[in-house]
Structure formats: structure tokens, C-alpha cells
Amino acid sequence: MKPMIKYLTLIIAVVLAAGCRSTPRSESGMFPPAPTKESQAAMSPDAALAELRAGNQRFVSGHSQVRDLPAKARATAAGQYPFAVILSCLDSRQPIEIVFDQGIGDVFSARIAGNILNDDIVGSMEFACKLSGAKLIAVIGHSNCGAIKGAVDDAQLGNLTGLLAKIKPAAASVPESVQPRTAKNDAFVQQVAEANVQLVMKEIREKSPVLREMLDKHEIGMVGGMYDLSTGRVEFYQP
């Protein structure tokens, strides 16, 4: 029986040790609180970007915060106070709240293939920033994007054809020296994806006087970024 007791004791010790190494709830040992009107008002555009950077670093390092999601759902049921609105791709490998280690009520998320811009998304951003108090617009593309590949190869499929057409100006902006200009050229695809993020940020200013005024007054900020599917890391750049 003694070997069996030692074996069971070892298993218990391993389980307890694993529990001690589990992901911390937060630096204070508590679950991250639900955003409030006060916390949102105190958030600056720079602080909002800093939180996205910190959240992505937590995700990449494997130290995402543990959240009491049912409690957070109850806490945010009566109102929402997100600090940012994020436009990202539909791609299932880029779940944007997870990538930035955010929970219920923390960010507005607009997802569409190729992270392109249309009138409905612009209107949603106006709602998020002007009416709901978000302090930052983030446009996040990603590596190896299928929508980008479809656009450069002139894919045709129902309503998708019109969506991909919105990406083609970004492809055209990449220098002609980058060859071949097909989906098989990973470097070209990456440059088009980055140019597409820059194009969308430019279009946000052009299409929305509401957001342009808020940006000019520094009431909100705007940033672009590229998510690397293989590392989970987001590289940010200013418009």
C-alpha cells in the first residue's frame, strides 16, 4: 500500500502545483471589473491604445486574465461603456476580444471579411464614439488574409465580388516593383493587407465628418495594426 500512497500523494501535489500556476485573475487578485461610465470617462485615447497593447501582450504570453463572464454580463446589462471600437476581419483565427484579452462590455467589435469599410460600419463607429463614448478606433488586419488573396486574384462569387472590389485600391497602391502580384506571393499579400488598413483609416476620415471632427479635437484616437496568425502578436502603426 505504501507505493500506492506515495503515488497518490504525488498526483495531489502535481494538481495543487498546477493550480498555483494558473493564470492570475488580475494584478490585484480580483476579477477584472466591468467598465463603468466613470472608468470610460477617465480613459484617454492614448490610455485606450495602451490597454490594447497590454491585452495583446497578455494574450501572447499566455497570461490572459480570468473573468467571471456571467457576473460581467449581469453588471453590463443596464448599460455599456467600452473604451474602443475595433474593426477587424471575419477570419475565425482572429477573435478580436481574445486577441486583446478583453471581456464583455470592454470593446465594440465590428467584423467583416477583409476589414473593409462601408456606410453601415461608419455609422456603427459614429454610434460607438459619439454616442457611446469609445475613445479609440482600431483597424486591425491580419497575415495570410483570404479576402486580400481573393481581391488580388480577382475572385468572383456573388456578393463577395463587390466586397473584394473595396480592397483593390489597396492592391493598386503597392509599388509595381513588387512581383508577382498574385495570392501566391506572400510578401505582396502582406503589403496589400497593410495598405488596406491604411486605406480604411483614410476612408474613415473622409466618410465621416463626425469622426473627423472628434479626431481633430483629440477626443478620440485612431490606430492601425496587423495581427500575425502564427504568433498572435499585433503590430500597431499610426495613420
C-alpha atoms as a PDB file:
ATOM      1  CA  MET A   1       0.000   0.000   0.000  1.00  0.00           C
ATOM      2  CA  LYS A   2       2.877   2.389   0.691  1.00  0.00           C
ATOM      3  CA  PRO A   3       3.863   2.752  -3.010  1.00  0.00           C
ATOM      4  CA  MET A   4       0.236   3.463  -3.845  1.00  0.00           C
ATOM      5  CA  ILE A   5       0.008   6.130  -1.124  1.00  0.00           C
ATOM      6  CA  LYS A   6       3.197   7.751  -2.399  1.00  0.00           C
ATOM      7  CA  TYR A   7       1.774   7.681  -5.931  1.00  0.00           C
ATOM      8  CA  LEU A   8      -1.481   9.336  -4.857  1.00  0.00           C
ATOM      9  CA  THR A   9       0.403  11.911  -2.829  1.00  0.00           C
ATOM     10  CA  LEU A  10       2.495  12.770  -5.880  1.00  0.00           C
ATOM     11  CA  ILE A  11      -0.630  13.215  -8.039  1.00  0.00           C
ATOM     12  CA  ILE A  12      -2.218  15.523  -5.463  1.00  0.00           C
ATOM     13  CA  ALA A  13       0.976  17.580  -5.264  1.00  0.00           C
ATOM     14  CA  VAL A  14       1.110  17.949  -9.042  1.00  0.00           C
ATOM     15  CA  VAL A  15      -2.545  19.036  -9.207  1.00  0.00           C
ATOM     16  CA  LEU A  16      -2.057  21.586  -6.427  1.00  0.00           C
ATOM     17  CA  ALA A  17       1.075  22.942  -8.055  1.00  0.00           C
ATOM     18  CA  ALA A  18      -0.731  23.314 -11.351  1.00  0.00           C
ATOM     19  CA  GLY A  19      -3.486  25.218  -9.582  1.00  0.00           C
ATOM     20  CA  CYS A  20      -0.945  27.569  -8.077  1.00  0.00           C
ATOM     21  CA  ARG A  21       0.447  28.288 -11.535  1.00  0.00           C
ATOM     22  CA  SER A  22      -2.948  29.009 -13.091  1.00  0.00           C
ATOM     23  CA  THR A  23      -3.485  32.324 -14.855  1.00  0.00           C
ATOM     24  CA  PRO A  24      -3.957  35.112 -12.301  1.00  0.00           C
ATOM     25  CA  ARG A  25      -7.274  36.896 -12.182  1.00  0.00           C
ATOM     26  CA  SER A  26      -5.570  40.284 -12.298  1.00  0.00           C
ATOM     27  CA  GLU A  27      -2.674  42.060 -10.666  1.00  0.00           C
ATOM     28  CA  SER A  28      -4.844  42.713  -7.647  1.00  0.00           C
ATOM     29  CA  GLY A  29      -6.029  39.105  -7.437  1.00  0.00           C
ATOM     30  CA  MET A  30      -9.613  40.050  -8.341  1.00  0.00           C
ATOM     31  CA  PHE A  31     -11.609  39.528 -11.493  1.00  0.00           C
ATOM     32  CA  PRO A  32     -11.332  42.495 -13.907  1.00  0.00           C
ATOM     33  CA  PRO A  33     -14.258  44.818 -13.187  1.00  0.00           C
ATOM     34  CA  ALA A  34     -16.945  45.723 -15.681  1.00  0.00           C
ATOM     35  CA  PRO A  35     -16.359  49.089 -17.363  1.00  0.00           C
ATOM     36  CA  THR A  36     -18.319  51.992 -15.914  1.00  0.00           C
ATOM     37  CA  LYS A  37     -19.232  55.468 -17.077  1.00  0.00           C
ATOM     38  CA  GLU A  38     -16.540  56.805 -14.774  1.00  0.00           C
ATOM     39  CA  SER A  39     -13.820  54.448 -15.993  1.00  0.00           C
ATOM     40  CA  GLN A  40     -14.690  55.232 -19.604  1.00  0.00           C
ATOM     41  CA  ALA A  41     -14.636  58.997 -18.982  1.00  0.00           C
ATOM     42  CA  ALA A  42     -11.226  58.707 -17.342  1.00  0.00           C
ATOM     43  CA  MET A  43      -9.794  56.808 -20.324  1.00  0.00           C
ATOM     44  CA  SER A  44      -7.814  58.846 -22.845  1.00  0.00           C
ATOM     45  CA  PRO A  45      -7.147  57.720 -26.440  1.00  0.00           C
ATOM     46  CA  ASP A  46      -3.521  57.012 -25.500  1.00  0.00           C
ATOM     47  CA  ALA A  47      -4.589  55.003 -22.470  1.00  0.00           C
ATOM     48  CA  ALA A  48      -7.032  53.041 -24.619  1.00  0.00           C
ATOM     49  CA  LEU A  49      -4.240  52.115 -27.017  1.00  0.00           C
ATOM     50  CA  ALA A  50      -2.003  51.198 -24.091  1.00  0.00           C
ATOM     51  CA  GLU A  51      -4.675  48.806 -22.840  1.00  0.00           C
ATOM     52  CA  LEU A  52      -4.928  47.129 -26.255  1.00  0.00           C
ATOM     53  CA  ARG A  53      -1.137  46.738 -26.311  1.00  0.00           C
ATOM     54  CA  ALA A  54      -1.119  45.322 -22.789  1.00  0.00           C
ATOM     55  CA  GLY A  55      -4.006  42.990 -23.534  1.00  0.00           C
ATOM     56  CA  ASN A  56      -2.301  41.614 -26.632  1.00  0.00           C
ATOM     57  CA  GLN A  57       0.890  41.104 -24.652  1.00  0.00           C
ATOM     58  CA  ARG A  58      -1.051  39.134 -22.031  1.00  0.00           C
ATOM     59  CA  PHE A  59      -2.571  37.015 -24.797  1.00  0.00           C
ATOM     60  CA  VAL A  60       0.781  36.345 -26.499  1.00  0.00           C
ATOM     61  CA  SER A  61       2.492  35.456 -23.230  1.00  0.00           C
ATOM     62  CA  GLY A  62      -0.302  33.097 -22.169  1.00  0.00           C
ATOM     63  CA  HIS A  63      -1.362  35.213 -19.202  1.00  0.00           C
ATOM     64  CA  SER A  64      -4.836  36.299 -20.258  1.00  0.00           C
ATOM     65  CA  GLN A  65      -6.968  37.350 -17.327  1.00  0.00           C
ATOM     66  CA  VAL A  66      -9.570  35.012 -15.904  1.00  0.00           C
ATOM     67  CA  ARG A  67     -13.026  36.582 -15.967  1.00  0.00           C
ATOM     68  CA  ASP A  68     -16.322  35.885 -14.261  1.00  0.00           C
ATOM     69  CA  LEU A  69     -18.277  36.263 -17.507  1.00  0.00           C
ATOM     70  CA  PRO A  70     -21.770  35.619 -16.091  1.00  0.00           C
ATOM     71  CA  ALA A  71     -21.156  38.294 -13.454  1.00  0.00           C
ATOM     72  CA  LYS A  72     -19.845  40.688 -16.080  1.00  0.00           C
ATOM     73  CA  ALA A  73     -22.901  40.048 -18.242  1.00  0.00           C
ATOM     74  CA  ARG A  74     -25.130  40.984 -15.318  1.00  0.00           C
ATOM     75  CA  ALA A  75     -23.047  44.039 -14.494  1.00  0.00           C
ATOM     76  CA  THR A  76     -23.259  45.404 -18.039  1.00  0.00           C
ATOM     77  CA  ALA A  77     -26.917  44.562 -18.702  1.00  0.00           C
ATOM     78  CA  ALA A  78     -28.151  48.055 -17.844  1.00  0.00           C
ATOM     79  CA  GLY A  79     -25.541  49.955 -19.873  1.00  0.00           C
ATOM     80  CA  GLN A  80     -22.263  49.700 -21.767  1.00  0.00           C
ATOM     81  CA  TYR A  81     -19.110  51.817 -21.600  1.00  0.00           C
ATOM     82  CA  PRO A  82     -16.477  50.302 -23.957  1.00  0.00           C
ATOM     83  CA  PHE A  83     -13.170  52.121 -24.346  1.00  0.00           C
ATOM     84  CA  ALA A  84     -12.541  51.270 -28.022  1.00  0.00           C
ATOM     85  CA  VAL A  85     -14.185  50.213 -31.271  1.00  0.00           C
ATOM     86  CA  ILE A  86     -12.231  47.655 -33.281  1.00  0.00           C
ATOM     87  CA  LEU A  87     -12.739  46.895 -36.958  1.00  0.00           C
ATOM     88  CA  SER A  88     -11.244  43.524 -37.835  1.00  0.00           C
ATOM     89  CA  CYS A  89     -11.559  40.680 -40.304  1.00  0.00           C
ATOM     90  CA  LEU A  90     -14.188  37.961 -40.217  1.00  0.00           C
ATOM     91  CA  ASP A  91     -11.420  35.332 -40.057  1.00  0.00           C
ATOM     92  CA  SER A  92     -12.077  32.757 -37.331  1.00  0.00           C
ATOM     93  CA  ARG A  93      -8.394  32.764 -36.367  1.00  0.00           C
ATOM     94  CA  GLN A  94      -8.590  36.401 -35.276  1.00  0.00           C
ATOM     95  CA  PRO A  95     -11.185  36.501 -32.449  1.00  0.00           C
ATOM     96  CA  ILE A  96     -10.577  40.103 -31.571  1.00  0.00           C
ATOM     97  CA  GLU A  97     -11.692  40.188 -27.918  1.00  0.00           C
ATOM     98  CA  ILE A  98      -9.485  37.180 -27.185  1.00  0.00           C
ATOM     99  CA  VAL A  99      -6.535  38.616 -29.130  1.00  0.00           C
ATOM    100  CA  PHE A 100      -6.675  41.763 -26.989  1.00  0.00           C
ATOM    101  CA  ASP A 101      -7.693  39.945 -23.787  1.00  0.00           C
ATOM    102  CA  GLN A 102     -10.917  41.897 -23.352  1.00  0.00           C
ATOM    103  CA  GLY A 103     -14.228  40.748 -21.925  1.00  0.00           C
ATOM    104  CA  ILE A 104     -17.917  41.536 -22.065  1.00  0.00           C
ATOM    105  CA  GLY A 105     -18.558  45.274 -22.355  1.00  0.00           C
ATOM    106  CA  ASP A 106     -14.912  46.279 -22.858  1.00  0.00           C
ATOM    107  CA  VAL A 107     -14.797  46.956 -26.625  1.00  0.00           C
ATOM    108  CA  PHE A 108     -17.107  47.345 -29.597  1.00  0.00           C
ATOM    109  CA  SER A 109     -16.249  44.783 -32.275  1.00  0.00           C
ATOM    110  CA  ALA A 110     -17.067  45.182 -35.976  1.00  0.00           C
ATOM    111  CA  ARG A 111     -16.021  42.163 -38.031  1.00  0.00           C
ATOM    112  CA  ILE A 112     -16.212  41.826 -41.797  1.00  0.00           C
ATOM    113  CA  ALA A 113     -14.145  39.976 -44.405  1.00  0.00           C
ATOM    114  CA  GLY A 114     -11.041  41.979 -45.288  1.00  0.00           C
ATOM    115  CA  ASN A 115     -11.791  44.522 -42.509  1.00  0.00           C
ATOM    116  CA  ILE A 116     -13.233  46.753 -45.232  1.00  0.00           C
ATOM    117  CA  LEU A 117     -15.304  49.874 -44.650  1.00  0.00           C
ATOM    118  CA  ASN A 118     -18.893  50.533 -45.683  1.00  0.00           C
ATOM    119  CA  ASP A 119     -21.566  53.029 -44.663  1.00  0.00           C
ATOM    120  CA  ASP A 120     -23.046  50.744 -42.019  1.00  0.00           C
ATOM    121  CA  ILE A 121     -19.690  50.267 -40.308  1.00  0.00           C
ATOM    122  CA  VAL A 122     -19.002  54.007 -40.429  1.00  0.00           C
ATOM    123  CA  GLY A 123     -22.381  54.614 -38.818  1.00  0.00           C
ATOM    124  CA  SER A 124     -21.614  51.983 -36.189  1.00  0.00           C
ATOM    125  CA  MET A 125     -18.333  53.718 -35.386  1.00  0.00           C
ATOM    126  CA  GLU A 126     -20.150  57.043 -35.037  1.00  0.00           C
ATOM    127  CA  PHE A 127     -22.519  55.371 -32.583  1.00  0.00           C
ATOM    128  CA  ALA A 128     -19.609  53.816 -30.679  1.00  0.00           C
ATOM    129  CA  CYS A 129     -17.611  57.038 -30.364  1.00  0.00           C
ATOM    130  CA  LYS A 130     -20.059  59.970 -30.458  1.00  0.00           C
ATOM    131  CA  LEU A 131     -22.987  58.400 -28.636  1.00  0.00           C
ATOM    132  CA  SER A 132     -21.393  55.676 -26.519  1.00  0.00           C
ATOM    133  CA  GLY A 133     -18.084  57.243 -25.523  1.00  0.00           C
ATOM    134  CA  ALA A 134     -15.425  54.951 -27.038  1.00  0.00           C
ATOM    135  CA  LYS A 135     -12.039  56.700 -27.085  1.00  0.00           C
ATOM    136  CA  LEU A 136     -10.187  54.794 -29.800  1.00  0.00           C
ATOM    137  CA  ILE A 137     -10.819  53.408 -33.293  1.00  0.00           C
ATOM    138  CA  ALA A 138      -8.562  50.473 -34.169  1.00  0.00           C
ATOM    139  CA  VAL A 139      -8.438  48.947 -37.654  1.00  0.00           C
ATOM    140  CA  ILE A 140      -6.772  45.541 -37.472  1.00  0.00           C
ATOM    141  CA  GLY A 141      -5.832  43.450 -40.494  1.00  0.00           C
ATOM    142  CA  HIS A 142      -4.010  40.139 -40.391  1.00  0.00           C
ATOM    143  CA  SER A 143      -1.460  37.995 -42.156  1.00  0.00           C
ATOM    144  CA  ASN A 144      -2.409  35.430 -44.809  1.00  0.00           C
ATOM    145  CA  CYS A 145      -5.835  37.042 -45.288  1.00  0.00           C
ATOM    146  CA  GLY A 146      -8.171  35.147 -47.603  1.00  0.00           C
ATOM    147  CA  ALA A 147     -10.091  38.277 -48.576  1.00  0.00           C
ATOM    148  CA  ILE A 148      -6.872  40.002 -49.614  1.00  0.00           C
ATOM    149  CA  LYS A 149      -5.891  36.954 -51.664  1.00  0.00           C
ATOM    150  CA  GLY A 150      -9.301  36.899 -53.315  1.00  0.00           C
ATOM    151  CA  ALA A 151      -9.038  40.575 -54.209  1.00  0.00           C
ATOM    152  CA  VAL A 152      -5.588  40.340 -55.800  1.00  0.00           C
ATOM    153  CA  ASP A 153      -6.617  37.240 -57.778  1.00  0.00           C
ATOM    154  CA  ASP A 154      -9.882  38.885 -58.887  1.00  0.00           C
ATOM    155  CA  ALA A 155     -12.118  36.227 -57.337  1.00  0.00           C
ATOM    156  CA  GLN A 156     -15.774  36.329 -58.399  1.00  0.00           C
ATOM    157  CA  LEU A 157     -18.551  34.981 -56.175  1.00  0.00           C
ATOM    158  CA  GLY A 158     -21.973  36.523 -55.677  1.00  0.00           C
ATOM    159  CA  ASN A 159     -21.992  39.454 -53.283  1.00  0.00           C
ATOM    160  CA  LEU A 160     -18.416  38.719 -52.279  1.00  0.00           C
ATOM    161  CA  THR A 161     -17.296  40.201 -55.607  1.00  0.00           C
ATOM    162  CA  GLY A 162     -18.399  43.685 -54.554  1.00  0.00           C
ATOM    163  CA  LEU A 163     -16.771  43.344 -51.138  1.00  0.00           C
ATOM    164  CA  LEU A 164     -13.416  42.347 -52.649  1.00  0.00           C
ATOM    165  CA  ALA A 165     -13.598  45.308 -55.039  1.00  0.00           C
ATOM    166  CA  LYS A 166     -13.184  47.588 -51.997  1.00  0.00           C
ATOM    167  CA  ILE A 167      -9.730  46.071 -51.406  1.00  0.00           C
ATOM    168  CA  LYS A 168      -8.415  46.543 -54.957  1.00  0.00           C
ATOM    169  CA  PRO A 169      -7.392  50.210 -54.462  1.00  0.00           C
ATOM    170  CA  ALA A 170      -5.073  48.997 -51.686  1.00  0.00           C
ATOM    171  CA  ALA A 171      -3.566  46.446 -54.059  1.00  0.00           C
ATOM    172  CA  ALA A 172      -3.086  49.120 -56.694  1.00  0.00           C
ATOM    173  CA  SER A 173      -1.196  51.297 -54.199  1.00  0.00           C
ATOM    174  CA  VAL A 174       1.535  48.692 -53.707  1.00  0.00           C
ATOM    175  CA  PRO A 175       4.555  49.549 -55.947  1.00  0.00           C
ATOM    176  CA  GLU A 176       4.640  47.766 -59.296  1.00  0.00           C
ATOM    177  CA  SER A 177       8.111  46.548 -58.452  1.00  0.00           C
ATOM    178  CA  VAL A 178       6.537  44.004 -56.093  1.00  0.00           C
ATOM    179  CA  GLN A 179       6.066  40.959 -58.316  1.00  0.00           C
ATOM    180  CA  PRO A 180       4.300  38.664 -58.924  1.00  0.00           C
ATOM    181  CA  ARG A 181       1.080  40.381 -57.943  1.00  0.00           C
ATOM    182  CA  THR A 182      -0.835  37.228 -57.052  1.00  0.00           C
ATOM    183  CA  ALA A 183      -2.022  35.428 -53.933  1.00  0.00           C
ATOM    184  CA  LYS A 184       0.936  33.068 -54.224  1.00  0.00           C
ATOM    185  CA  ASN A 185       3.324  35.899 -53.378  1.00  0.00           C
ATOM    186  CA  ASP A 186       3.158  36.124 -49.578  1.00  0.00           C
ATOM    187  CA  ALA A 187       5.114  39.386 -49.498  1.00  0.00           C
ATOM    188  CA  PHE A 188       2.680  41.031 -51.912  1.00  0.00           C
ATOM    189  CA  VAL A 189      -0.336  39.767 -49.951  1.00  0.00           C
ATOM    190  CA  GLN A 190       1.139  41.171 -46.738  1.00  0.00           C
ATOM    191  CA  GLN A 191       1.819  44.562 -48.298  1.00  0.00           C
ATOM    192  CA  VAL A 192      -1.714  44.744 -49.688  1.00  0.00           C
ATOM    193  CA  ALA A 193      -3.142  43.837 -46.273  1.00  0.00           C
ATOM    194  CA  GLU A 194      -1.139  46.634 -44.650  1.00  0.00           C
ATOM    195  CA  ALA A 195      -2.110  49.099 -47.386  1.00  0.00           C
ATOM    196  CA  ASN A 196      -5.741  48.095 -46.903  1.00  0.00           C
ATOM    197  CA  VAL A 197      -5.594  49.023 -43.206  1.00  0.00           C
ATOM    198  CA  GLN A 198      -4.104  52.394 -44.123  1.00  0.00           C
ATOM    199  CA  LEU A 199      -6.775  52.890 -46.790  1.00  0.00           C
ATOM    200  CA  VAL A 200      -9.586  52.144 -44.353  1.00  0.00           C
ATOM    201  CA  MET A 201      -8.221  54.616 -41.800  1.00  0.00           C
ATOM    202  CA  LYS A 202      -8.070  57.267 -44.510  1.00  0.00           C
ATOM    203  CA  GLU A 203     -11.635  56.445 -45.592  1.00  0.00           C
ATOM    204  CA  ILE A 204     -12.929  56.778 -42.031  1.00  0.00           C
ATOM    205  CA  ARG A 205     -11.813  60.408 -42.008  1.00  0.00           C
ATOM    206  CA  GLU A 206     -13.220  61.037 -45.467  1.00  0.00           C
ATOM    207  CA  LYS A 207     -16.584  59.350 -44.977  1.00  0.00           C
ATOM    208  CA  SER A 208     -17.434  60.619 -41.501  1.00  0.00           C
ATOM    209  CA  PRO A 209     -17.382  64.339 -40.648  1.00  0.00           C
ATOM    210  CA  VAL A 210     -18.489  63.287 -37.165  1.00  0.00           C
ATOM    211  CA  LEU A 211     -15.448  61.121 -36.549  1.00  0.00           C
ATOM    212  CA  ARG A 212     -13.096  63.502 -38.343  1.00  0.00           C
ATOM    213  CA  GLU A 213     -14.093  66.319 -36.023  1.00  0.00           C
ATOM    214  CA  MET A 214     -13.610  64.118 -32.963  1.00  0.00           C
ATOM    215  CA  LEU A 215     -10.192  63.038 -34.249  1.00  0.00           C
ATOM    216  CA  ASP A 216      -9.147  66.621 -34.967  1.00  0.00           C
ATOM    217  CA  LYS A 217     -10.197  67.660 -31.473  1.00  0.00           C
ATOM    218  CA  HIS A 218      -8.302  64.676 -29.998  1.00  0.00           C
ATOM    219  CA  GLU A 219     -11.479  63.472 -28.343  1.00  0.00           C
ATOM    220  CA  ILE A 220     -10.752  60.082 -29.873  1.00  0.00           C
ATOM    221  CA  GLY A 221      -7.705  58.443 -31.422  1.00  0.00           C
ATOM    222  CA  MET A 222      -7.232  56.082 -34.346  1.00  0.00           C
ATOM    223  CA  VAL A 223      -4.654  53.391 -34.925  1.00  0.00           C
ATOM    224  CA  GLY A 224      -3.977  50.619 -37.411  1.00  0.00           C
ATOM    225  CA  GLY A 225      -2.486  47.227 -36.807  1.00  0.00           C
ATOM    226  CA  MET A 226      -1.622  43.857 -38.274  1.00  0.00           C
ATOM    227  CA  TYR A 227      -2.262  40.592 -36.447  1.00  0.00           C
ATOM    228  CA  ASP A 228       0.201  37.768 -37.094  1.00  0.00           C
ATOM    229  CA  LEU A 229      -1.682  34.476 -37.262  1.00  0.00           C
ATOM    230  CA  SER A 230       1.395  32.457 -36.369  1.00  0.00           C
ATOM    231  CA  THR A 231       2.470  34.419 -33.276  1.00  0.00           C
ATOM    232  CA  GLY A 232      -0.722  36.091 -32.042  1.00  0.00           C
ATOM    233  CA  ARG A 233       1.069  39.422 -31.893  1.00  0.00           C
ATOM    234  CA  VAL A 234      -0.417  42.712 -33.136  1.00  0.00           C
ATOM    235  CA  GLU A 235       1.936  45.285 -34.630  1.00  0.00           C
ATOM    236  CA  PHE A 236       0.454  48.784 -34.360  1.00  0.00           C
ATOM    237  CA  TYR A 237       1.115  51.819 -36.500  1.00  0.00           C
ATOM    238  CA  GLN A 238      -0.346  55.310 -36.617  1.00  0.00           C
ATOM    239  CA  PRO A 239      -2.402  56.546 -39.606  1.00  0.00           C
END
